[in-house]
C-alpha atoms as a PDB file:
ATOM      1  CA  MET A   1     -14.993   6.833 -17.160  1.00  0.00           C
ATOM      2  CA  LEU A   2     -15.698  10.569 -17.088  1.00  0.00           C
ATOM      3  CA  LEU A   3     -15.342  11.912 -13.550  1.00  0.00           C
ATOM      4  CA  ASN A   4     -17.207  14.709 -11.844  1.00  0.00           C
ATOM      5  CA  VAL A   5     -15.241  17.968 -12.069  1.00  0.00           C
ATOM      6  CA  ILE A   6     -15.375  21.262 -10.188  1.00  0.00           C
ATOM      7  CA  GLU A   7     -13.842  23.912 -12.424  1.00  0.00           C
ATOM      8  CA  GLN A   8     -12.754  27.356 -11.260  1.00  0.00           C
ATOM      9  CA  THR A   9     -11.016  29.924 -13.451  1.00  0.00           C
ATOM     10  CA  PRO A  10      -9.589  33.441 -13.089  1.00  0.00           C
ATOM     11  CA  GLU A  11     -11.735  36.498 -13.651  1.00  0.00           C
ATOM     12  CA  PRO A  12     -11.872  37.470 -17.336  1.00  0.00           C
ATOM     13  CA  SER A  13      -9.686  40.522 -16.698  1.00  0.00           C
ATOM     14  CA  ALA A  14      -7.015  38.585 -14.759  1.00  0.00           C
ATOM     15  CA  LEU A  15      -3.801  37.149 -16.163  1.00  0.00           C
ATOM     16  CA  CYS A  16      -4.083  33.383 -16.553  1.00  0.00           C
ATOM     17  CA  ASN A  17      -1.282  30.835 -16.626  1.00  0.00           C
ATOM     18  CA  ASP A  18      -1.517  28.528 -19.637  1.00  0.00           C
ATOM     19  CA  THR A  19      -1.085  25.325 -17.598  1.00  0.00           C
ATOM     20  CA  PRO A  20      -4.275  23.942 -16.008  1.00  0.00           C
ATOM     21  CA  LEU A  21      -4.014  22.771 -12.407  1.00  0.00           C
ATOM     22  CA  VAL A  22      -5.687  19.494 -11.484  1.00  0.00           C
ATOM     23  CA  PHE A  23      -6.536  18.468  -7.897  1.00  0.00           C
ATOM     24  CA  LEU A  24      -6.925  14.830  -6.827  1.00  0.00           C
ATOM     25  CA  HIS A  25      -8.207  14.047  -3.325  1.00  0.00           C
ATOM     26  CA  GLY A  26      -7.407  11.194  -0.974  1.00  0.00           C
ATOM     27  CA  LEU A  27      -9.302   8.092   0.120  1.00  0.00           C
ATOM     28  CA  PHE A  28     -12.892   8.794   1.238  1.00  0.00           C
ATOM     29  CA  GLY A  29     -12.428  12.424   0.186  1.00  0.00           C
ATOM     30  CA  ARG A  30     -13.889  14.445  -2.654  1.00  0.00           C
ATOM     31  CA  ALA A  31     -12.982  17.281  -4.997  1.00  0.00           C
ATOM     32  CA  ARG A  32     -13.959  20.041  -2.597  1.00  0.00           C
ATOM     33  CA  ASN A  33     -11.511  18.817   0.101  1.00  0.00           C
ATOM     34  CA  LEU A  34      -8.813  20.960  -1.552  1.00  0.00           C
ATOM     35  CA  GLY A  35     -11.243  23.823  -2.072  1.00  0.00           C
ATOM     36  CA  PHE A  36      -9.267  26.556  -0.348  1.00  0.00           C
ATOM     37  CA  VAL A  37      -6.168  25.726  -2.406  1.00  0.00           C
ATOM     38  CA  GLN A  38      -8.235  25.642  -5.583  1.00  0.00           C
ATOM     39  CA  ARG A  39      -9.895  28.984  -4.832  1.00  0.00           C
ATOM     40  CA  ARG A  40      -6.541  30.656  -4.240  1.00  0.00           C
ATOM     41  CA  LEU A  41      -4.835  29.230  -7.320  1.00  0.00           C
ATOM     42  CA  ALA A  42      -7.895  29.807  -9.500  1.00  0.00           C
ATOM     43  CA  THR A  43      -7.045  33.510  -9.399  1.00  0.00           C
ATOM     44  CA  THR A  44      -4.147  32.794 -11.780  1.00  0.00           C
ATOM     45  CA  HIS A  45      -4.823  29.322 -13.273  1.00  0.00           C
ATOM     46  CA  ARG A  46      -7.606  27.337 -14.798  1.00  0.00           C
ATOM     47  CA  THR A  47      -8.283  24.719 -12.090  1.00  0.00           C
ATOM     48  CA  LEU A  48     -10.041  21.360 -12.234  1.00  0.00           C
ATOM     49  CA  ALA A  49     -10.821  19.408  -9.047  1.00  0.00           C
ATOM     50  CA  LEU A  50     -11.924  15.830  -9.699  1.00  0.00           C
ATOM     51  CA  ASP A  51     -13.982  13.337  -7.727  1.00  0.00           C
ATOM     52  CA  LEU A  52     -12.150  10.036  -8.248  1.00  0.00           C
ATOM     53  CA  ARG A  53     -14.284   6.987  -9.038  1.00  0.00           C
ATOM     54  CA  ASN A  54     -16.467   5.760  -6.165  1.00  0.00           C
ATOM     55  CA  HIS A  55     -16.097   9.172  -4.508  1.00  0.00           C
ATOM     56  CA  GLY A  56     -18.125  12.368  -4.514  1.00  0.00           C
ATOM     57  CA  GLU A  57     -20.437  12.561  -7.506  1.00  0.00           C
ATOM     58  CA  SER A  58     -18.387  10.372  -9.850  1.00  0.00           C
ATOM     59  CA  PRO A  59     -19.560   6.948 -11.102  1.00  0.00           C
ATOM     60  CA  HIS A  60     -18.736   3.749  -9.252  1.00  0.00           C
ATOM     61  CA  GLY A  61     -16.758   0.711 -10.356  1.00  0.00           C
ATOM     62  CA  PRO A  62     -13.710  -1.497  -9.702  1.00  0.00           C
ATOM     63  CA  MET A  63     -10.586   0.342  -8.532  1.00  0.00           C
ATOM     64  CA  SER A  64      -6.842   0.159  -9.069  1.00  0.00           C
ATOM     65  CA  TYR A  65      -4.264   2.850  -9.696  1.00  0.00           C
ATOM     66  CA  PRO A  66      -4.018   2.157 -13.454  1.00  0.00           C
ATOM     67  CA  ILE A  67      -7.818   2.253 -13.704  1.00  0.00           C
ATOM     68  CA  MET A  68      -8.059   5.519 -11.736  1.00  0.00           C
ATOM     69  CA  ALA A  69      -5.209   7.075 -13.732  1.00  0.00           C
ATOM     70  CA  ASN A  70      -7.014   6.258 -16.965  1.00  0.00           C
ATOM     71  CA  ASP A  71     -10.207   7.825 -15.567  1.00  0.00           C
ATOM     72  CA  VAL A  72      -8.279  11.024 -14.936  1.00  0.00           C
ATOM     73  CA  TYR A  73      -6.693  10.888 -18.384  1.00  0.00           C
ATOM     74  CA  GLU A  74     -10.052  10.438 -20.114  1.00  0.00           C
ATOM     75  CA  THR A  75     -11.615  13.227 -18.065  1.00  0.00           C
ATOM     76  CA  LEU A  76      -8.791  15.696 -18.648  1.00  0.00           C
ATOM     77  CA  ARG A  77      -8.770  15.022 -22.371  1.00  0.00           C
ATOM     78  CA  HIS A  78     -12.493  15.816 -22.323  1.00  0.00           C
ATOM     79  CA  TYR A  79     -11.756  19.208 -20.758  1.00  0.00           C
ATOM     80  CA  THR A  80      -8.425  20.307 -22.246  1.00  0.00           C
ATOM     81  CA  THR A  81      -5.784  19.561 -24.862  1.00  0.00           C
ATOM     82  CA  GLU A  82      -3.080  21.120 -22.683  1.00  0.00           C
ATOM     83  CA  SER A  83      -0.610  19.304 -20.450  1.00  0.00           C
ATOM     84  CA  CYS A  84      -1.455  19.880 -16.793  1.00  0.00           C
ATOM     85  CA  THR A  85       0.103  20.230 -13.379  1.00  0.00           C
ATOM     86  CA  LEU A  86      -1.344  17.574 -11.086  1.00  0.00           C
ATOM     87  CA  LEU A  87      -1.636  18.054  -7.327  1.00  0.00           C
ATOM     88  CA  GLY A  88      -2.629  14.860  -5.542  1.00  0.00           C
ATOM     89  CA  HIS A  89      -2.955  14.057  -1.857  1.00  0.00           C
ATOM     90  CA  SER A  90      -2.469  10.503  -0.538  1.00  0.00           C
ATOM     91  CA  MET A  91      -4.503   8.173  -2.802  1.00  0.00           C
ATOM     92  CA  GLY A  92      -4.829  11.088  -5.219  1.00  0.00           C
ATOM     93  CA  GLY A  93      -1.044  11.462  -5.160  1.00  0.00           C
ATOM     94  CA  LYS A  94      -0.573   7.818  -6.119  1.00  0.00           C
ATOM     95  CA  THR A  95      -3.122   8.270  -8.899  1.00  0.00           C
ATOM     96  CA  ALA A  96      -1.261  11.349 -10.151  1.00  0.00           C
ATOM     97  CA  MET A  97       2.059   9.478 -10.139  1.00  0.00           C
ATOM     98  CA  MET A  98       0.516   6.590 -12.060  1.00  0.00           C
ATOM     99  CA  LEU A  99      -0.945   8.969 -14.641  1.00  0.00           C
ATOM    100  CA  ALA A 100       2.474  10.579 -15.156  1.00  0.00           C
ATOM    101  CA  LEU A 101       4.044   7.146 -15.693  1.00  0.00           C
ATOM    102  CA  LEU A 102       1.318   5.927 -18.064  1.00  0.00           C
ATOM    103  CA  HIS A 103       0.570   9.164 -19.929  1.00  0.00           C
ATOM    104  CA  PRO A 104       3.480  11.588 -19.495  1.00  0.00           C
ATOM    105  CA  ASP A 105       2.219  13.620 -22.461  1.00  0.00           C
ATOM    106  CA  ILE A 106      -0.606  15.073 -20.378  1.00  0.00           C
ATOM    107  CA  VAL A 107       1.491  15.881 -17.280  1.00  0.00           C
ATOM    108  CA  LYS A 108       3.644  19.009 -17.264  1.00  0.00           C
ATOM    109  CA  SER A 109       4.587  18.681 -13.597  1.00  0.00           C
ATOM    110  CA  LEU A 110       3.584  16.897 -10.396  1.00  0.00           C
ATOM    111  CA  ILE A 111       2.904  17.927  -6.808  1.00  0.00           C
ATOM    112  CA  ILE A 112       2.561  14.850  -4.593  1.00  0.00           C
ATOM    113  CA  VAL A 113       1.296  15.454  -1.069  1.00  0.00           C
ATOM    114  CA  ASP A 114       2.423  13.150   1.743  1.00  0.00           C
ATOM    115  CA  ILE A 115       2.593   9.881  -0.105  1.00  0.00           C
ATOM    116  CA  ALA A 116       5.356   7.900  -1.792  1.00  0.00           C
ATOM    117  CA  PRO A 117       5.285   5.359  -4.631  1.00  0.00           C
ATOM    118  CA  GLY A 118       5.114   2.443  -2.225  1.00  0.00           C
ATOM    119  CA  ARG A 119       2.889   0.668   0.269  1.00  0.00           C
ATOM    120  CA  GLY A 120       1.145   2.762   2.922  1.00  0.00           C
ATOM    121  CA  GLY A 121      -0.569   6.049   3.400  1.00  0.00           C
ATOM    122  CA  PHE A 122      -3.697   5.272   5.305  1.00  0.00           C
ATOM    123  CA  SER A 123      -3.095   3.599   8.659  1.00  0.00           C
ATOM    124  CA  SER A 124      -3.013   6.920  10.534  1.00  0.00           C
ATOM    125  CA  LEU A 125      -6.602   7.479   9.415  1.00  0.00           C
ATOM    126  CA  ASP A 126      -7.571   4.487  11.604  1.00  0.00           C
ATOM    127  CA  LEU A 127      -9.705   3.254   8.738  1.00  0.00           C
ATOM    128  CA  PRO A 128     -13.004   1.945  10.077  1.00  0.00           C
ATOM    129  CA  GLN A 129     -13.526  -1.784   9.538  1.00  0.00           C
ATOM    130  CA  LYS A 130     -17.316  -2.032   9.874  1.00  0.00           C
ATOM    131  CA  LEU A 131     -18.665   0.652   7.558  1.00  0.00           C
ATOM    132  CA  GLU A 132     -20.635  -1.902   5.567  1.00  0.00           C
ATOM    133  CA  THR A 133     -22.520  -2.933   8.727  1.00  0.00           C
ATOM    134  CA  VAL A 134     -23.922   0.541   9.478  1.00  0.00           C
ATOM    135  CA  VAL A 135     -27.738   0.409   9.528  1.00  0.00           C
ATOM    136  CA  PHE A 136     -29.320   3.701   8.498  1.00  0.00           C
ATOM    137  CA  PRO A 137     -32.665   4.879   9.903  1.00  0.00           C
ATOM    138  CA  PRO A 138     -35.459   6.097   7.605  1.00  0.00           C
ATOM    139  CA  LYS A 139     -34.342   9.716   8.096  1.00  0.00           C
ATOM    140  CA  LEU A 140     -31.046  11.280   9.174  1.00  0.00           C
ATOM    141  CA  ASP A 141     -29.699  14.759   9.826  1.00  0.00           C
ATOM    142  CA  LEU A 142     -26.104  15.871  10.393  1.00  0.00           C
ATOM    143  CA  HIS A 143     -26.212  15.587  14.179  1.00  0.00           C
ATOM    144  CA  GLU A 144     -27.822  12.151  14.006  1.00  0.00           C
ATOM    145  CA  ALA A 145     -25.220  10.993  11.452  1.00  0.00           C
ATOM    146  CA  ASN A 146     -22.447  11.959  13.850  1.00  0.00           C
ATOM    147  CA  THR A 147     -24.106   9.955  16.635  1.00  0.00           C
ATOM    148  CA  LEU A 148     -24.729   6.978  14.342  1.00  0.00           C
ATOM    149  CA  LEU A 149     -21.067   6.697  13.334  1.00  0.00           C
ATOM    150  CA  GLN A 150     -19.510   7.293  16.764  1.00  0.00           C
ATOM    151  CA  SER A 151     -19.391   3.610  17.694  1.00  0.00           C
ATOM    152  CA  VAL A 152     -17.800   2.650  14.369  1.00  0.00           C
ATOM    153  CA  ILE A 153     -15.490   5.661  13.962  1.00  0.00           C
ATOM    154  CA  PRO A 154     -14.274   6.974  17.343  1.00  0.00           C
ATOM    155  CA  ASP A 155     -11.848   9.473  15.781  1.00  0.00           C
ATOM    156  CA  ASN A 156     -13.761  12.726  15.214  1.00  0.00           C
ATOM    157  CA  ALA A 157     -11.700  13.909  12.231  1.00  0.00           C
ATOM    158  CA  VAL A 158     -12.186  10.622  10.396  1.00  0.00           C
ATOM    159  CA  ARG A 159     -15.864  10.595  11.353  1.00  0.00           C
ATOM    160  CA  GLN A 160     -16.404  14.058   9.873  1.00  0.00           C
ATOM    161  CA  LEU A 161     -14.639  12.914   6.700  1.00  0.00           C
ATOM    162  CA  MET A 162     -16.985   9.950   6.402  1.00  0.00           C
ATOM    163  CA  ILE A 163     -20.148  11.933   7.166  1.00  0.00           C
ATOM    164  CA  GLN A 164     -19.611  13.864   3.944  1.00  0.00           C
ATOM    165  CA  ASN A 165     -20.088  10.521   2.142  1.00  0.00           C
ATOM    166  CA  ILE A 166     -23.630   9.990   3.460  1.00  0.00           C
ATOM    167  CA  HIS A 167     -26.879  10.991   1.782  1.00  0.00           C
ATOM    168  CA  LEU A 168     -28.733  12.812   4.560  1.00  0.00           C
ATOM    169  CA  GLY A 169     -32.471  13.407   4.812  1.00  0.00           C
ATOM    170  CA  ASP A 170     -35.020  10.786   3.795  1.00  0.00           C
ATOM    171  CA  ASN A 171     -33.729   7.316   2.877  1.00  0.00           C
ATOM    172  CA  PRO A 172     -30.122   8.041   3.950  1.00  0.00           C
ATOM    173  CA  GLY A 173     -27.182   5.845   3.012  1.00  0.00           C
ATOM    174  CA  TRP A 174     -23.657   5.840   1.641  1.00  0.00           C
ATOM    175  CA  SER A 175     -23.252   8.034  -1.427  1.00  0.00           C
ATOM    176  CA  ILE A 176     -19.875   6.499  -2.267  1.00  0.00           C
ATOM    177  CA  GLY A 177     -19.121   3.169  -3.919  1.00  0.00           C
ATOM    178  CA  LEU A 178     -18.325   1.628  -0.549  1.00  0.00           C
ATOM    179  CA  ASP A 179     -18.310  -2.007  -1.665  1.00  0.00           C
ATOM    180  CA  ASP A 180     -15.925  -1.248  -4.542  1.00  0.00           C
ATOM    181  CA  ILE A 181     -13.650   0.769  -2.246  1.00  0.00           C
ATOM    182  CA  LEU A 182     -13.480  -1.922   0.430  1.00  0.00           C
ATOM    183  CA  THR A 183     -12.829  -4.631  -2.163  1.00  0.00           C
ATOM    184  CA  ALA A 184      -9.977  -2.580  -3.640  1.00  0.00           C
ATOM    185  CA  LEU A 185      -8.510  -1.432  -0.324  1.00  0.00           C
ATOM    186  CA  PRO A 186      -5.472  -3.774  -0.440  1.00  0.00           C
ATOM    187  CA  LEU A 187      -4.610  -2.395  -3.906  1.00  0.00           C
ATOM    188  CA  ILE A 188      -5.183   1.183  -2.798  1.00  0.00           C
ATOM    189  CA  MET A 189      -2.885   0.770   0.202  1.00  0.00           C
ATOM    190  CA  ASP A 190      -0.237  -0.838  -1.996  1.00  0.00           C
ATOM    191  CA  TRP A 191       1.651   0.312  -5.096  1.00  0.00           C
ATOM    192  CA  PRO A 192       1.768  -1.768  -8.281  1.00  0.00           C
ATOM    193  CA  SER A 193       4.937  -3.119  -9.854  1.00  0.00           C
ATOM    194  CA  ILE A 194       6.394  -0.637 -12.342  1.00  0.00           C
ATOM    195  CA  PRO A 195       8.565  -1.764 -15.290  1.00  0.00           C
ATOM    196  CA  GLU A 196      12.240  -0.875 -14.968  1.00  0.00           C
ATOM    197  CA  ASN A 197      12.066   1.328 -18.064  1.00  0.00           C
ATOM    198  CA  ALA A 198       9.101   3.382 -16.789  1.00  0.00           C
ATOM    199  CA  TYR A 199       9.830   6.812 -15.318  1.00  0.00           C
ATOM    200  CA  TYR A 200       8.615  10.413 -15.505  1.00  0.00           C
ATOM    201  CA  THR A 201      11.204  13.114 -16.124  1.00  0.00           C
ATOM    202  CA  GLY A 202       9.068  16.198 -15.510  1.00  0.00           C
ATOM    203  CA  PRO A 203       9.448  18.459 -12.470  1.00  0.00           C
ATOM    204  CA  THR A 204       8.067  16.709  -9.401  1.00  0.00           C
ATOM    205  CA  LEU A 205       7.589  18.117  -5.919  1.00  0.00           C
ATOM    206  CA  PHE A 206       6.932  15.820  -2.972  1.00  0.00           C
ATOM    207  CA  ILE A 207       5.512  17.615   0.071  1.00  0.00           C
ATOM    208  CA  LYS A 208       5.554  15.701   3.350  1.00  0.00           C
ATOM    209  CA  GLY A 209       4.136  16.477   6.749  1.00  0.00           C
ATOM    210  CA  GLU A 210       6.973  16.623   9.265  1.00  0.00           C
ATOM    211  CA  ASN A 211       5.077  14.321  11.643  1.00  0.00           C
ATOM    212  CA  SER A 212       3.764  11.924   9.002  1.00  0.00           C
ATOM    213  CA  PRO A 213       5.398   8.528   8.313  1.00  0.00           C
ATOM    214  CA  TYR A 214       4.352   8.180   4.686  1.00  0.00           C
ATOM    215  CA  ILE A 215       7.438   9.585   2.978  1.00  0.00           C
ATOM    216  CA  HIS A 216      10.649   8.311   4.594  1.00  0.00           C
ATOM    217  CA  PRO A 217      14.232   7.571   3.503  1.00  0.00           C
ATOM    218  CA  ASP A 218      13.360   4.009   2.490  1.00  0.00           C
ATOM    219  CA  ASN A 219      11.208   5.522  -0.263  1.00  0.00           C
ATOM    220  CA  TYR A 220      13.931   7.735  -1.730  1.00  0.00           C
ATOM    221  CA  PRO A 221      15.449   5.127  -4.109  1.00  0.00           C
ATOM    222  CA  ILE A 222      12.166   4.395  -5.888  1.00  0.00           C
ATOM    223  CA  MET A 223      11.262   8.089  -5.906  1.00  0.00           C
ATOM    224  CA  GLN A 224      14.591   8.761  -7.596  1.00  0.00           C
ATOM    225  CA  ARG A 225      14.123   5.946 -10.108  1.00  0.00           C
ATOM    226  CA  LEU A 226      10.577   6.822 -11.115  1.00  0.00           C
ATOM    227  CA  PHE A 227      10.805  10.625 -10.755  1.00  0.00           C
ATOM    228  CA  PRO A 228      14.468  11.578 -11.308  1.00  0.00           C
ATOM    229  CA  ASN A 229      13.720  15.321 -11.279  1.00  0.00           C
ATOM    230  CA  TYR A 230      12.016  15.339  -7.891  1.00  0.00           C
ATOM    231  CA  THR A 231      12.508  17.616  -4.912  1.00  0.00           C
ATOM    232  CA  LEU A 232      11.212  17.082  -1.397  1.00  0.00           C
ATOM    233  CA  GLU A 233       9.932  19.677   1.058  1.00  0.00           C
ATOM    234  CA  SER A 234       8.771  19.045   4.617  1.00  0.00           C
ATOM    235  CA  ILE A 235       6.111  21.177   6.298  1.00  0.00           C
ATOM    236  CA  GLU A 236       6.967  21.758   9.941  1.00  0.00           C
ATOM    237  CA  GLY A 237       4.419  20.553  12.480  1.00  0.00           C
ATOM    238  CA  ALA A 238       2.128  18.974   9.883  1.00  0.00           C
ATOM    239  CA  ASP A 239       0.791  15.439   9.830  1.00  0.00           C
ATOM    240  CA  HIS A 240      -0.726  13.511   6.893  1.00  0.00           C
ATOM    241  CA  TRP A 241      -3.358  16.182   6.210  1.00  0.00           C
ATOM    242  CA  VAL A 242      -0.685  18.734   5.361  1.00  0.00           C
ATOM    243  CA  HIS A 243      -2.987  21.176   3.582  1.00  0.00           C
ATOM    244  CA  ALA A 244      -5.314  21.269   6.609  1.00  0.00           C
ATOM    245  CA  ASP A 245      -2.621  21.213   9.317  1.00  0.00           C
ATOM    246  CA  ALA A 246      -0.527  24.058   7.873  1.00  0.00           C
ATOM    247  CA  PRO A 247      -2.538  25.722   5.094  1.00  0.00           C
ATOM    248  CA  LYS A 248      -0.428  28.876   4.719  1.00  0.00           C
ATOM    249  CA  CYS A 249       2.882  27.003   4.589  1.00  0.00           C
ATOM    250  CA  PHE A 250       1.414  24.423   2.250  1.00  0.00           C
ATOM    251  CA  LEU A 251       0.073  27.023  -0.153  1.00  0.00           C
ATOM    252  CA  ALA A 252       3.349  28.956  -0.109  1.00  0.00           C
ATOM    253  CA  CYS A 253       5.233  25.751  -0.938  1.00  0.00           C
ATOM    254  CA  VAL A 254       2.922  25.019  -3.866  1.00  0.00           C
ATOM    255  CA  GLU A 255       3.144  28.576  -5.182  1.00  0.00           C
ATOM    256  CA  ARG A 256       6.956  28.552  -5.059  1.00  0.00           C
ATOM    257  CA  PHE A 257       7.018  25.388  -7.124  1.00  0.00           C
ATOM    258  CA  LEU A 258       4.503  26.735  -9.630  1.00  0.00           C
ATOM    259  CA  ALA A 259       6.556  29.919 -10.017  1.00  0.00           C
ATOM    260  CA  THR A 260       9.481  27.810 -11.253  1.00  0.00           C
ATOM    261  CA  GLN A 261       7.285  26.255 -13.955  1.00  0.00           C
ATOM    262  CA  THR A 262       6.458  29.482 -15.807  1.00  0.00           C
END
């Protein structure tokens, strides 16, 4: 499956790093969620932000991490012959890890944001359980969408995330592959079994939010087995949405890692 891509590149007169940077968003997100990071790094790198399947403007279909990793592989091979640095948050981080394990030839290095190769990563989002029961009126604007979802999604941050997945205006409705996502949710929250001989030896940076539970010492053994050249950095005061909670610290952390890859 070819995914929707937002590409940003340096100005023609600017120096450009040879390694493309690829951004993979989290559950119920979309390519533009990492927009500020992409805009900054696009001054020195070719950047590609992808809508994963069932999200944004990409096609819909059954989901699992091997399936999503192969989507990314097919899409990247459509855009470049180079190996890439992948930056993935949450579900996007698991997808990036799976791609590195399945197709290490296309991955020069990894940046995994607040997720580990294990079960978990989404409970703090207080995932709504009744999205499929939402009844949309004939017409809907942004304010009305917020009111419509309040009873189903009390948390404002999560509600704003979900509003971006609604077609507003006439004949509103979910723009995402909601049924496919909900069917696959147990797989998305989990992590598949990996053969003992599977690992990725490239440089790997895990970035965790100091206040987030999704990378913890219990994860270190499997991180070490699958990604033996990993390092871990913690962003002070940040929760799961590290790039939004501490954008300057997050960007500085990413840029330090990228500087070691040149």
